[in-house]
Amino acid sequence: MQDPHPLANEVGLTVTRLIEDTVFGSLVFIVQDSRIVQLERNEKYQFPAPRKSPAGDPNRAATNSKGKLSALAAALKGLQFGQVVVKLQDGRIVQIDRTEKRRVPDLTGVSGDGI
C-alpha cells in the first residue's frame, strides 16, 4: 500500500495561509497512526509590532508555498506517532523539528525486573 500524501489539498491550503499570516510563532502538527490529527498555532507578539514584508510577485509567492509545503511534507513523511514543529518568522519557515514517538515492548533490567 502506498503512503498517502501527508498534506491533503485542504490541509495544504490551510497551512499555507497560516504560514503567511504568522509573523513570529510556530505551527505544531500532532500525528497519530500516520495521520495529522491536530494542528496548533502559537503566535508571539512583540512591541512595537514588526511590519510584514510586502508580498511581491504572486508567481514567486506560489513557488514559495510549494517549497514550504514540500519541506513540511518531507518532515511528516513516514511519521507514525509524534509531532512536527514549524518555527516561523515573517511568514517564512526558519526551522522544522520532528519528534518521533516509538513504543518499546516490555523492557527488563539485568535482574529481570521492569525498568
PDB file of N, CA and C in Angstrom:
ATOM      1  N   MET A   1       0.841  -1.180   0.000  1.00  0.00           N
ATOM      2  CA  MET A   1       0.000   0.000   0.000  1.00  0.00           C
ATOM      3  C   MET A   1       0.887   1.244   0.000  1.00  0.00           C
ATOM      4  N   GLN A   2       0.585   2.177  -0.863  1.00  0.00           N
ATOM      5  CA  GLN A   2       1.384   3.395  -0.986  1.00  0.00           C
ATOM      6  C   GLN A   2       0.942   4.413   0.062  1.00  0.00           C
ATOM      7  N   ASP A   3       1.927   5.129   0.656  1.00  0.00           N
ATOM      8  CA  ASP A   3       1.613   6.151   1.640  1.00  0.00           C
ATOM      9  C   ASP A   3       0.851   7.289   0.974  1.00  0.00           C
ATOM     10  N   PRO A   4      -0.261   7.752   1.582  1.00  0.00           N
ATOM     11  CA  PRO A   4      -0.945   8.919   1.039  1.00  0.00           C
ATOM     12  C   PRO A   4      -0.091  10.159   1.263  1.00  0.00           C
ATOM     13  N   HIS A   5      -0.300  11.154   0.424  1.00  0.00           N
ATOM     14  CA  HIS A   5       0.442  12.406   0.598  1.00  0.00           C
ATOM     15  C   HIS A   5       0.070  12.975   1.961  1.00  0.00           C
ATOM     16  N   PRO A   6       1.074  13.337   2.794  1.00  0.00           N
ATOM     17  CA  PRO A   6       0.772  13.773   4.155  1.00  0.00           C
ATOM     18  C   PRO A   6      -0.023  15.071   4.246  1.00  0.00           C
ATOM     19  N   LEU A   7       0.002  15.876   3.184  1.00  0.00           N
ATOM     20  CA  LEU A   7      -0.749  17.124   3.203  1.00  0.00           C
ATOM     21  C   LEU A   7      -1.812  17.107   2.112  1.00  0.00           C
ATOM     22  N   ALA A   8      -3.030  16.767   2.498  1.00  0.00           N
ATOM     23  CA  ALA A   8      -4.134  16.795   1.550  1.00  0.00           C
ATOM     24  C   ALA A   8      -4.341  18.235   1.088  1.00  0.00           C
ATOM     25  N   ASN A   9      -5.028  18.413  -0.022  1.00  0.00           N
ATOM     26  CA  ASN A   9      -5.188  19.734  -0.620  1.00  0.00           C
ATOM     27  C   ASN A   9      -5.764  20.746   0.364  1.00  0.00           C
ATOM     28  N   GLU A  10      -6.827  20.386   1.076  1.00  0.00           N
ATOM     29  CA  GLU A  10      -7.464  21.301   2.025  1.00  0.00           C
ATOM     30  C   GLU A  10      -6.507  21.661   3.163  1.00  0.00           C
ATOM     31  N   VAL A  11      -5.780  20.665   3.669  1.00  0.00           N
ATOM     32  CA  VAL A  11      -4.804  20.911   4.734  1.00  0.00           C
ATOM     33  C   VAL A  11      -3.687  21.803   4.200  1.00  0.00           C
ATOM     34  N   GLY A  12      -3.221  21.535   2.991  1.00  0.00           N
ATOM     35  CA  GLY A  12      -2.160  22.338   2.389  1.00  0.00           C
ATOM     36  C   GLY A  12      -2.549  23.800   2.250  1.00  0.00           C
ATOM     37  N   LEU A  13      -3.777  24.068   1.842  1.00  0.00           N
ATOM     38  CA  LEU A  13      -4.246  25.452   1.714  1.00  0.00           C
ATOM     39  C   LEU A  13      -4.311  26.136   3.076  1.00  0.00           C
ATOM     40  N   THR A  14      -4.803  25.425   4.080  1.00  0.00           N
ATOM     41  CA  THR A  14      -4.883  25.973   5.433  1.00  0.00           C
ATOM     42  C   THR A  14      -3.489  26.268   5.981  1.00  0.00           C
ATOM     43  N   VAL A  15      -2.563  25.328   5.800  1.00  0.00           N
ATOM     44  CA  VAL A  15      -1.197  25.503   6.291  1.00  0.00           C
ATOM     45  C   VAL A  15      -0.520  26.681   5.596  1.00  0.00           C
ATOM     46  N   THR A  16      -0.676  26.795   4.292  1.00  0.00           N
ATOM     47  CA  THR A  16      -0.091  27.912   3.549  1.00  0.00           C
ATOM     48  C   THR A  16      -0.605  29.239   4.088  1.00  0.00           C
ATOM     49  N   ARG A  17      -1.907  29.327   4.316  1.00  0.00           N
ATOM     50  CA  ARG A  17      -2.497  30.564   4.846  1.00  0.00           C
ATOM     51  C   ARG A  17      -1.958  30.873   6.239  1.00  0.00           C
ATOM     52  N   LEU A  18      -1.875  29.861   7.106  1.00  0.00           N
ATOM     53  CA  LEU A  18      -1.363  30.076   8.462  1.00  0.00           C
ATOM     54  C   LEU A  18       0.097  30.516   8.461  1.00  0.00           C
ATOM     55  N   ILE A  19       0.903  29.926   7.588  1.00  0.00           N
ATOM     56  CA  ILE A  19       2.316  30.306   7.495  1.00  0.00           C
ATOM     57  C   ILE A  19       2.439  31.762   7.071  1.00  0.00           C
ATOM     58  N   GLU A  20       1.689  32.149   6.064  1.00  0.00           N
ATOM     59  CA  GLU A  20       1.781  33.510   5.547  1.00  0.00           C
ATOM     60  C   GLU A  20       1.219  34.544   6.516  1.00  0.00           C
ATOM     61  N   ASP A  21       0.269  34.136   7.378  1.00  0.00           N
ATOM     62  CA  ASP A  21      -0.358  35.061   8.319  1.00  0.00           C
ATOM     63  C   ASP A  21       0.403  35.197   9.633  1.00  0.00           C
ATOM     64  N   THR A  22       1.368  34.340   9.878  1.00  0.00           N
ATOM     65  CA  THR A  22       2.076  34.344  11.155  1.00  0.00           C
ATOM     66  C   THR A  22       3.369  35.142  11.036  1.00  0.00           C
ATOM     67  N   VAL A  23       3.512  36.172  11.847  1.00  0.00           N
ATOM     68  CA  VAL A  23       4.734  36.968  11.825  1.00  0.00           C
ATOM     69  C   VAL A  23       5.821  36.227  12.594  1.00  0.00           C
ATOM     70  N   PHE A  24       5.583  35.937  13.865  1.00  0.00           N
ATOM     71  CA  PHE A  24       6.504  35.143  14.679  1.00  0.00           C
ATOM     72  C   PHE A  24       5.690  34.106  15.426  1.00  0.00           C
ATOM     73  N   GLY A  25       6.132  32.857  15.406  1.00  0.00           N
ATOM     74  CA  GLY A  25       5.419  31.824  16.134  1.00  0.00           C
ATOM     75  C   GLY A  25       5.754  30.454  15.603  1.00  0.00           C
ATOM     76  N   SER A  26       4.809  29.523  15.804  1.00  0.00           N
ATOM     77  CA  SER A  26       5.039  28.152  15.353  1.00  0.00           C
ATOM     78  C   SER A  26       3.723  27.452  15.058  1.00  0.00           C
ATOM     79  N   LEU A  27       3.831  26.432  14.226  1.00  0.00           N
ATOM     80  CA  LEU A  27       2.724  25.512  13.963  1.00  0.00           C
ATOM     81  C   LEU A  27       3.173  24.143  14.444  1.00  0.00           C
ATOM     82  N   VAL A  28       2.315  23.452  15.187  1.00  0.00           N
ATOM     83  CA  VAL A  28       2.640  22.132  15.713  1.00  0.00           C
ATOM     84  C   VAL A  28       1.639  21.138  15.123  1.00  0.00           C
ATOM     85  N   PHE A  29       2.168  20.151  14.397  1.00  0.00           N
ATOM     86  CA  PHE A  29       1.346  19.103  13.791  1.00  0.00           C
ATOM     87  C   PHE A  29       1.456  17.857  14.666  1.00  0.00           C
ATOM     88  N   ILE A  30       0.338  17.387  15.201  1.00  0.00           N
ATOM     89  CA  ILE A  30       0.304  16.182  16.021  1.00  0.00           C
ATOM     90  C   ILE A  30      -0.115  15.033  15.106  1.00  0.00           C
ATOM     91  N   VAL A  31       0.694  13.958  15.102  1.00  0.00           N
ATOM     92  CA  VAL A  31       0.473  12.830  14.198  1.00  0.00           C
ATOM     93  C   VAL A  31       0.203  11.571  15.011  1.00  0.00           C
ATOM     94  N   GLN A  32      -0.863  10.856  14.641  1.00  0.00           N
ATOM     95  CA  GLN A  32      -1.182   9.556  15.224  1.00  0.00           C
ATOM     96  C   GLN A  32      -1.579   8.623  14.090  1.00  0.00           C
ATOM     97  N   ASP A  33      -1.054   7.431  14.114  1.00  0.00           N
ATOM     98  CA  ASP A  33      -1.335   6.443  13.063  1.00  0.00           C
ATOM     99  C   ASP A  33      -1.085   7.018  11.670  1.00  0.00           C
ATOM    100  N   SER A  34       0.015   7.761  11.541  1.00  0.00           N
ATOM    101  CA  SER A  34       0.452   8.358  10.268  1.00  0.00           C
ATOM    102  C   SER A  34      -0.516   9.394   9.711  1.00  0.00           C
ATOM    103  N   ARG A  35      -1.382   9.958  10.548  1.00  0.00           N
ATOM    104  CA  ARG A  35      -2.341  10.977  10.104  1.00  0.00           C
ATOM    105  C   ARG A  35      -2.232  12.201  10.992  1.00  0.00           C
ATOM    106  N   ILE A  36      -2.346  13.377  10.397  1.00  0.00           N
ATOM    107  CA  ILE A  36      -2.391  14.609  11.178  1.00  0.00           C
ATOM    108  C   ILE A  36      -3.746  14.640  11.875  1.00  0.00           C
ATOM    109  N   VAL A  37      -3.725  14.661  13.203  1.00  0.00           N
ATOM    110  CA  VAL A  37      -4.973  14.668  13.958  1.00  0.00           C
ATOM    111  C   VAL A  37      -5.234  16.016  14.629  1.00  0.00           C
ATOM    112  N   GLN A  38      -4.187  16.847  14.712  1.00  0.00           N
ATOM    113  CA  GLN A  38      -4.353  18.134  15.370  1.00  0.00           C
ATOM    114  C   GLN A  38      -3.300  19.111  14.853  1.00  0.00           C
ATOM    115  N   LEU A  39      -3.680  20.365  14.758  1.00  0.00           N
ATOM    116  CA  LEU A  39      -2.766  21.433  14.356  1.00  0.00           C
ATOM    117  C   LEU A  39      -2.908  22.557  15.373  1.00  0.00           C
ATOM    118  N   GLU A  40      -1.788  22.924  15.999  1.00  0.00           N
ATOM    119  CA  GLU A  40      -1.788  24.012  16.969  1.00  0.00           C
ATOM    120  C   GLU A  40      -1.021  25.193  16.378  1.00  0.00           C
ATOM    121  N   ARG A  41      -1.549  26.385  16.583  1.00  0.00           N
ATOM    122  CA  ARG A  41      -0.875  27.600  16.117  1.00  0.00           C
ATOM    123  C   ARG A  41      -0.537  28.449  17.337  1.00  0.00           C
ATOM    124  N   ASN A  42       0.726  28.776  17.478  1.00  0.00           N
ATOM    125  CA  ASN A  42       1.183  29.627  18.573  1.00  0.00           C
ATOM    126  C   ASN A  42       1.825  30.852  17.952  1.00  0.00           C
ATOM    127  N   GLU A  43       1.307  32.014  18.280  1.00  0.00           N
ATOM    128  CA  GLU A  43       1.860  33.239  17.708  1.00  0.00           C
ATOM    129  C   GLU A  43       2.393  34.122  18.824  1.00  0.00           C
ATOM    130  N   LYS A  44       3.546  34.734  18.565  1.00  0.00           N
ATOM    131  CA  LYS A  44       4.173  35.639  19.521  1.00  0.00           C
ATOM    132  C   LYS A  44       4.016  37.059  19.006  1.00  0.00           C
ATOM    133  N   TYR A  45       3.753  37.971  19.909  1.00  0.00           N
ATOM    134  CA  TYR A  45       3.631  39.377  19.554  1.00  0.00           C
ATOM    135  C   TYR A  45       4.752  40.143  20.225  1.00  0.00           C
ATOM    136  N   GLN A  46       5.375  41.035  19.482  1.00  0.00           N
ATOM    137  CA  GLN A  46       6.440  41.868  20.005  1.00  0.00           C
ATOM    138  C   GLN A  46       6.007  43.322  19.910  1.00  0.00           C
ATOM    139  N   PHE A  47       6.450  44.122  20.865  1.00  0.00           N
ATOM    140  CA  PHE A  47       6.106  45.539  20.870  1.00  0.00           C
ATOM    141  C   PHE A  47       7.373  46.353  20.769  1.00  0.00           C
ATOM    142  N   PRO A  48       7.482  47.319  19.873  1.00  0.00           N
ATOM    143  CA  PRO A  48       6.496  47.620  18.845  1.00  0.00           C
ATOM    144  C   PRO A  48       6.418  46.495  17.820  1.00  0.00           C
ATOM    145  N   ALA A  49       5.233  46.320  17.254  1.00  0.00           N
ATOM    146  CA  ALA A  49       4.997  45.214  16.328  1.00  0.00           C
ATOM    147  C   ALA A  49       5.803  45.402  15.046  1.00  0.00           C
ATOM    148  N   PRO A  50       6.548  44.355  14.625  1.00  0.00           N
ATOM    149  CA  PRO A  50       7.278  44.446  13.356  1.00  0.00           C
ATOM    150  C   PRO A  50       6.304  44.455  12.181  1.00  0.00           C
ATOM    151  N   ARG A  51       6.714  45.087  11.128  1.00  0.00           N
ATOM    152  CA  ARG A  51       5.869  45.131   9.927  1.00  0.00           C
ATOM    153  C   ARG A  51       6.243  43.986   9.010  1.00  0.00           C
ATOM    154  N   LYS A  52       5.227  43.371   8.415  1.00  0.00           N
ATOM    155  CA  LYS A  52       5.479  42.280   7.479  1.00  0.00           C
ATOM    156  C   LYS A  52       6.049  42.822   6.181  1.00  0.00           C
ATOM    157  N   SER A  53       6.874  41.992   5.542  1.00  0.00           N
ATOM    158  CA  SER A  53       7.445  42.347   4.241  1.00  0.00           C
ATOM    159  C   SER A  53       6.334  42.385   3.203  1.00  0.00           C
ATOM    160  N   PRO A  54       6.485  43.204   2.161  1.00  0.00           N
ATOM    161  CA  PRO A  54       5.489  43.210   1.095  1.00  0.00           C
ATOM    162  C   PRO A  54       5.447  41.862   0.385  1.00  0.00           C
ATOM    163  N   ALA A  55       4.266  41.503  -0.083  1.00  0.00           N
ATOM    164  CA  ALA A  55       4.062  40.185  -0.695  1.00  0.00           C
ATOM    165  C   ALA A  55       4.878  40.004  -1.969  1.00  0.00           C
ATOM    166  N   GLY A  56       4.972  41.034  -2.797  1.00  0.00           N
ATOM    167  CA  GLY A  56       5.775  40.920  -4.021  1.00  0.00           C
ATOM    168  C   GLY A  56       5.049  40.197  -5.136  1.00  0.00           C
ATOM    169  N   ASP A  57       5.811  39.547  -5.997  1.00  0.00           N
ATOM    170  CA  ASP A  57       5.313  38.866  -7.180  1.00  0.00           C
ATOM    171  C   ASP A  57       4.454  37.660  -6.811  1.00  0.00           C
ATOM    172  N   PRO A  58       3.189  37.563  -7.330  1.00  0.00           N
ATOM    173  CA  PRO A  58       2.326  36.429  -6.988  1.00  0.00           C
ATOM    174  C   PRO A  58       2.887  35.084  -7.463  1.00  0.00           C
ATOM    175  N   ASN A  59       3.623  35.068  -8.578  1.00  0.00           N
ATOM    176  CA  ASN A  59       4.227  33.809  -9.038  1.00  0.00           C
ATOM    177  C   ASN A  59       5.294  33.338  -8.054  1.00  0.00           C
ATOM    178  N   ARG A  60       6.055  34.276  -7.510  1.00  0.00           N
ATOM    179  CA  ARG A  60       7.080  33.946  -6.517  1.00  0.00           C
ATOM    180  C   ARG A  60       6.419  33.395  -5.255  1.00  0.00           C
ATOM    181  N   ALA A  61       5.285  33.996  -4.843  1.00  0.00           N
ATOM    182  CA  ALA A  61       4.562  33.523  -3.659  1.00  0.00           C
ATOM    183  C   ALA A  61       4.081  32.094  -3.861  1.00  0.00           C
ATOM    184  N   ALA A  62       3.588  31.760  -5.069  1.00  0.00           N
ATOM    185  CA  ALA A  62       3.129  30.395  -5.343  1.00  0.00           C
ATOM    186  C   ALA A  62       4.292  29.415  -5.271  1.00  0.00           C
ATOM    187  N   THR A  63       5.452  29.795  -5.803  1.00  0.00           N
ATOM    188  CA  THR A  63       6.631  28.941  -5.746  1.00  0.00           C
ATOM    189  C   THR A  63       7.067  28.730  -4.303  1.00  0.00           C
ATOM    190  N   ASN A  64       7.071  29.807  -3.499  1.00  0.00           N
ATOM    191  CA  ASN A  64       7.441  29.701  -2.100  1.00  0.00           C
ATOM    192  C   ASN A  64       6.496  28.788  -1.344  1.00  0.00           C
ATOM    193  N   SER A  65       5.183  28.848  -1.658  1.00  0.00           N
ATOM    194  CA  SER A  65       4.207  27.989  -0.999  1.00  0.00           C
ATOM    195  C   SER A  65       4.494  26.524  -1.290  1.00  0.00           C
ATOM    196  N   LYS A  66       4.831  26.214  -2.543  1.00  0.00           N
ATOM    197  CA  LYS A  66       5.145  24.827  -2.898  1.00  0.00           C
ATOM    198  C   LYS A  66       6.386  24.358  -2.145  1.00  0.00           C
ATOM    199  N   GLY A  67       7.394  25.218  -2.034  1.00  0.00           N
ATOM    200  CA  GLY A  67       8.608  24.884  -1.304  1.00  0.00           C
ATOM    201  C   GLY A  67       8.331  24.654   0.173  1.00  0.00           C
ATOM    202  N   LYS A  68       7.489  25.506   0.758  1.00  0.00           N
ATOM    203  CA  LYS A  68       7.123  25.374   2.165  1.00  0.00           C
ATOM    204  C   LYS A  68       6.433  24.047   2.418  1.00  0.00           C
ATOM    205  N   LEU A  69       5.483  23.736   1.560  1.00  0.00           N
ATOM    206  CA  LEU A  69       4.715  22.507   1.756  1.00  0.00           C
ATOM    207  C   LEU A  69       5.557  21.267   1.499  1.00  0.00           C
ATOM    208  N   SER A  70       6.494  21.337   0.553  1.00  0.00           N
ATOM    209  CA  SER A  70       7.318  20.155   0.286  1.00  0.00           C
ATOM    210  C   SER A  70       8.269  19.887   1.452  1.00  0.00           C
ATOM    211  N   ALA A  71       8.809  20.935   2.078  1.00  0.00           N
ATOM    212  CA  ALA A  71       9.675  20.748   3.252  1.00  0.00           C
ATOM    213  C   ALA A  71       8.881  20.171   4.410  1.00  0.00           C
ATOM    214  N   LEU A  72       7.672  20.643   4.597  1.00  0.00           N
ATOM    215  CA  LEU A  72       6.814  20.133   5.667  1.00  0.00           C
ATOM    216  C   LEU A  72       6.398  18.696   5.379  1.00  0.00           C
ATOM    217  N   ALA A  73       6.031  18.405   4.133  1.00  0.00           N
ATOM    218  CA  ALA A  73       5.640  17.049   3.749  1.00  0.00           C
ATOM    219  C   ALA A  73       6.788  16.066   3.969  1.00  0.00           C
ATOM    220  N   ALA A  74       8.011  16.496   3.685  1.00  0.00           N
ATOM    221  CA  ALA A  74       9.180  15.636   3.901  1.00  0.00           C
ATOM    222  C   ALA A  74       9.351  15.319   5.380  1.00  0.00           C
ATOM    223  N   ALA A  75       9.097  16.301   6.251  1.00  0.00           N
ATOM    224  CA  ALA A  75       9.215  16.081   7.694  1.00  0.00           C
ATOM    225  C   ALA A  75       8.119  15.153   8.214  1.00  0.00           C
ATOM    226  N   LEU A  76       6.940  15.216   7.593  1.00  0.00           N
ATOM    227  CA  LEU A  76       5.822  14.382   8.029  1.00  0.00           C
ATOM    228  C   LEU A  76       5.874  12.962   7.460  1.00  0.00           C
ATOM    229  N   LYS A  77       6.580  12.796   6.342  1.00  0.00           N
ATOM    230  CA  LYS A  77       6.600  11.510   5.655  1.00  0.00           C
ATOM    231  C   LYS A  77       7.161  10.405   6.555  1.00  0.00           C
ATOM    232  N   GLY A  78       6.436   9.323   6.648  1.00  0.00           N
ATOM    233  CA  GLY A  78       6.874   8.165   7.412  1.00  0.00           C
ATOM    234  C   GLY A  78       6.697   8.294   8.911  1.00  0.00           C
ATOM    235  N   LEU A  79       6.193   9.424   9.389  1.00  0.00           N
ATOM    236  CA  LEU A  79       5.990   9.617  10.824  1.00  0.00           C
ATOM    237  C   LEU A  79       4.701   8.929  11.231  1.00  0.00           C
ATOM    238  N   GLN A  80       4.800   7.947  12.133  1.00  0.00           N
ATOM    239  CA  GLN A  80       3.607   7.226  12.570  1.00  0.00           C
ATOM    240  C   GLN A  80       2.998   7.867  13.812  1.00  0.00           C
ATOM    241  N   PHE A  81       3.833   8.168  14.809  1.00  0.00           N
ATOM    242  CA  PHE A  81       3.378   8.831  16.022  1.00  0.00           C
ATOM    243  C   PHE A  81       4.394   9.908  16.375  1.00  0.00           C
ATOM    244  N   GLY A  82       3.938  11.104  16.711  1.00  0.00           N
ATOM    245  CA  GLY A  82       4.845  12.166  17.115  1.00  0.00           C
ATOM    246  C   GLY A  82       4.328  13.525  16.716  1.00  0.00           C
ATOM    247  N   GLN A  83       5.265  14.449  16.529  1.00  0.00           N
ATOM    248  CA  GLN A  83       4.873  15.796  16.137  1.00  0.00           C
ATOM    249  C   GLN A  83       5.955  16.455  15.293  1.00  0.00           C
ATOM    250  N   VAL A  84       5.507  17.409  14.491  1.00  0.00           N
ATOM    251  CA  VAL A  84       6.405  18.232  13.696  1.00  0.00           C
ATOM    252  C   VAL A  84       6.113  19.675  14.072  1.00  0.00           C
ATOM    253  N   VAL A  85       7.155  20.404  14.483  1.00  0.00           N
ATOM    254  CA  VAL A  85       7.025  21.807  14.878  1.00  0.00           C
ATOM    255  C   VAL A  85       7.702  22.660  13.816  1.00  0.00           C
ATOM    256  N   VAL A  86       6.955  23.611  13.279  1.00  0.00           N
ATOM    257  CA  VAL A  86       7.459  24.517  12.252  1.00  0.00           C
ATOM    258  C   VAL A  86       7.597  25.900  12.883  1.00  0.00           C
ATOM    259  N   LYS A  87       8.816  26.419  12.966  1.00  0.00           N
ATOM    260  CA  LYS A  87       9.078  27.752  13.525  1.00  0.00           C
ATOM    261  C   LYS A  87       8.997  28.773  12.392  1.00  0.00           C
ATOM    262  N   LEU A  88       8.295  29.869  12.654  1.00  0.00           N
ATOM    263  CA  LEU A  88       8.042  30.875  11.625  1.00  0.00           C
ATOM    264  C   LEU A  88       8.543  32.250  12.041  1.00  0.00           C
ATOM    265  N   GLN A  89       9.062  32.969  11.071  1.00  0.00           N
ATOM    266  CA  GLN A  89       9.421  34.371  11.246  1.00  0.00           C
ATOM    267  C   GLN A  89       9.037  35.107   9.976  1.00  0.00           C
ATOM    268  N   ASP A  90       8.221  36.114  10.113  1.00  0.00           N
ATOM    269  CA  ASP A  90       7.797  36.937   8.980  1.00  0.00           C
ATOM    270  C   ASP A  90       7.189  36.104   7.853  1.00  0.00           C
ATOM    271  N   GLY A  91       6.354  35.125   8.226  1.00  0.00           N
ATOM    272  CA  GLY A  91       5.695  34.297   7.227  1.00  0.00           C
ATOM    273  C   GLY A  91       6.605  33.336   6.501  1.00  0.00           C
ATOM    274  N   ARG A  92       7.794  33.083   7.057  1.00  0.00           N
ATOM    275  CA  ARG A  92       8.757  32.175   6.435  1.00  0.00           C
ATOM    276  C   ARG A  92       9.137  31.086   7.426  1.00  0.00           C
ATOM    277  N   ILE A  93       9.292  29.884   6.921  1.00  0.00           N
ATOM    278  CA  ILE A  93       9.755  28.781   7.754  1.00  0.00           C
ATOM    279  C   ILE A  93      11.252  28.962   7.986  1.00  0.00           C
ATOM    280  N   VAL A  94      11.657  28.990   9.258  1.00  0.00           N
ATOM    281  CA  VAL A  94      13.072  29.120   9.579  1.00  0.00           C
ATOM    282  C   VAL A  94      13.624  27.852  10.221  1.00  0.00           C
ATOM    283  N   GLN A  95      12.734  26.957  10.692  1.00  0.00           N
ATOM    284  CA  GLN A  95      13.202  25.730  11.330  1.00  0.00           C
ATOM    285  C   GLN A  95      12.061  24.723  11.370  1.00  0.00           C
ATOM    286  N   ILE A  96      12.407  23.449  11.187  1.00  0.00           N
ATOM    287  CA  ILE A  96      11.433  22.361  11.320  1.00  0.00           C
ATOM    288  C   ILE A  96      12.024  21.323  12.267  1.00  0.00           C
ATOM    289  N   ASP A  97      11.288  21.009  13.338  1.00  0.00           N
ATOM    290  CA  ASP A  97      11.702  19.982  14.298  1.00  0.00           C
ATOM    291  C   ASP A  97      10.737  18.808  14.191  1.00  0.00           C
ATOM    292  N   ARG A  98      11.281  17.615  14.162  1.00  0.00           N
ATOM    293  CA  ARG A  98      10.462  16.402  14.082  1.00  0.00           C
ATOM    294  C   ARG A  98      10.769  15.553  15.308  1.00  0.00           C
ATOM    295  N   THR A  99       9.729  15.187  16.057  1.00  0.00           N
ATOM    296  CA  THR A  99       9.871  14.323  17.222  1.00  0.00           C
ATOM    297  C   THR A  99       9.041  13.075  16.975  1.00  0.00           C
ATOM    298  N   GLU A 100       9.716  11.943  16.924  1.00  0.00           N
ATOM    299  CA  GLU A 100       9.038  10.677  16.666  1.00  0.00           C
ATOM    300  C   GLU A 100       8.903   9.902  17.964  1.00  0.00           C
ATOM    301  N   LYS A 101       7.710   9.374  18.222  1.00  0.00           N
ATOM    302  CA  LYS A 101       7.477   8.557  19.398  1.00  0.00           C
ATOM    303  C   LYS A 101       7.426   7.100  18.965  1.00  0.00           C
ATOM    304  N   ARG A 102       8.120   6.270  19.696  1.00  0.00           N
ATOM    305  CA  ARG A 102       8.124   4.835  19.399  1.00  0.00           C
ATOM    306  C   ARG A 102       7.763   4.061  20.650  1.00  0.00           C
ATOM    307  N   ARG A 103       6.923   3.075  20.493  1.00  0.00           N
ATOM    308  CA  ARG A 103       6.548   2.211  21.610  1.00  0.00           C
ATOM    309  C   ARG A 103       7.606   1.128  21.745  1.00  0.00           C
ATOM    310  N   VAL A 104       8.048   0.890  22.958  1.00  0.00           N
ATOM    311  CA  VAL A 104       9.043  -0.130  23.220  1.00  0.00           C
ATOM    312  C   VAL A 104       8.353  -1.255  23.985  1.00  0.00           C
ATOM    313  N   PRO A 105       8.444  -2.490  23.461  1.00  0.00           N
ATOM    314  CA  PRO A 105       7.808  -3.591  24.180  1.00  0.00           C
ATOM    315  C   PRO A 105       8.461  -3.765  25.552  1.00  0.00           C
ATOM    316  N   ASP A 106       7.828  -4.532  26.391  1.00  0.00           N
ATOM    317  CA  ASP A 106       8.299  -4.729  27.764  1.00  0.00           C
ATOM    318  C   ASP A 106       9.810  -4.844  27.843  1.00  0.00           C
ATOM    319  N   LEU A 107      10.409  -3.928  28.580  1.00  0.00           N
ATOM    320  CA  LEU A 107      11.851  -3.941  28.802  1.00  0.00           C
ATOM    321  C   LEU A 107      12.112  -4.542  30.187  1.00  0.00           C
ATOM    322  N   THR A 108      13.164  -5.293  30.283  1.00  0.00           N
ATOM    323  CA  THR A 108      13.532  -5.842  31.579  1.00  0.00           C
ATOM    324  C   THR A 108      14.971  -5.489  31.889  1.00  0.00           C
ATOM    325  N   GLY A 109      15.251  -5.321  33.166  1.00  0.00           N
ATOM    326  CA  GLY A 109      16.597  -4.999  33.588  1.00  0.00           C
ATOM    327  C   GLY A 109      17.443  -6.253  33.716  1.00  0.00           C
ATOM    328  N   VAL A 110      18.651  -6.088  34.236  1.00  0.00           N
ATOM    329  CA  VAL A 110      19.595  -7.190  34.380  1.00  0.00           C
ATOM    330  C   VAL A 110      19.024  -8.287  35.264  1.00  0.00           C
ATOM    331  N   SER A 111      18.325  -7.877  36.326  1.00  0.00           N
ATOM    332  CA  SER A 111      17.794  -8.870  37.258  1.00  0.00           C
ATOM    333  C   SER A 111      16.423  -9.384  36.844  1.00  0.00           C
ATOM    334  N   GLY A 112      15.947  -8.967  35.668  1.00  0.00           N
ATOM    335  CA  GLY A 112      14.667  -9.461  35.181  1.00  0.00           C
ATOM    336  C   GLY A 112      13.491  -8.584  35.535  1.00  0.00           C
ATOM    337  N   ASP A 113      13.717  -7.551  36.367  1.00  0.00           N
ATOM    338  CA  ASP A 113      12.604  -6.681  36.719  1.00  0.00           C
ATOM    339  C   ASP A 113      12.415  -5.582  35.666  1.00  0.00           C
ATOM    340  N   GLY A 114      11.259  -4.954  35.653  1.00  0.00           N
ATOM    341  CA  GLY A 114      10.980  -3.912  34.677  1.00  0.00           C
ATOM    342  C   GLY A 114      11.794  -2.662  34.927  1.00  0.00           C
ATOM    343  N   ILE A 115      11.959  -1.893  33.902  1.00  0.00           N
ATOM    344  CA  ILE A 115      12.722  -0.636  34.011  1.00  0.00           C
ATOM    345  C   ILE A 115      11.772   0.483  34.363  1.00  0.00           C
TER     346      ILE A 115
END
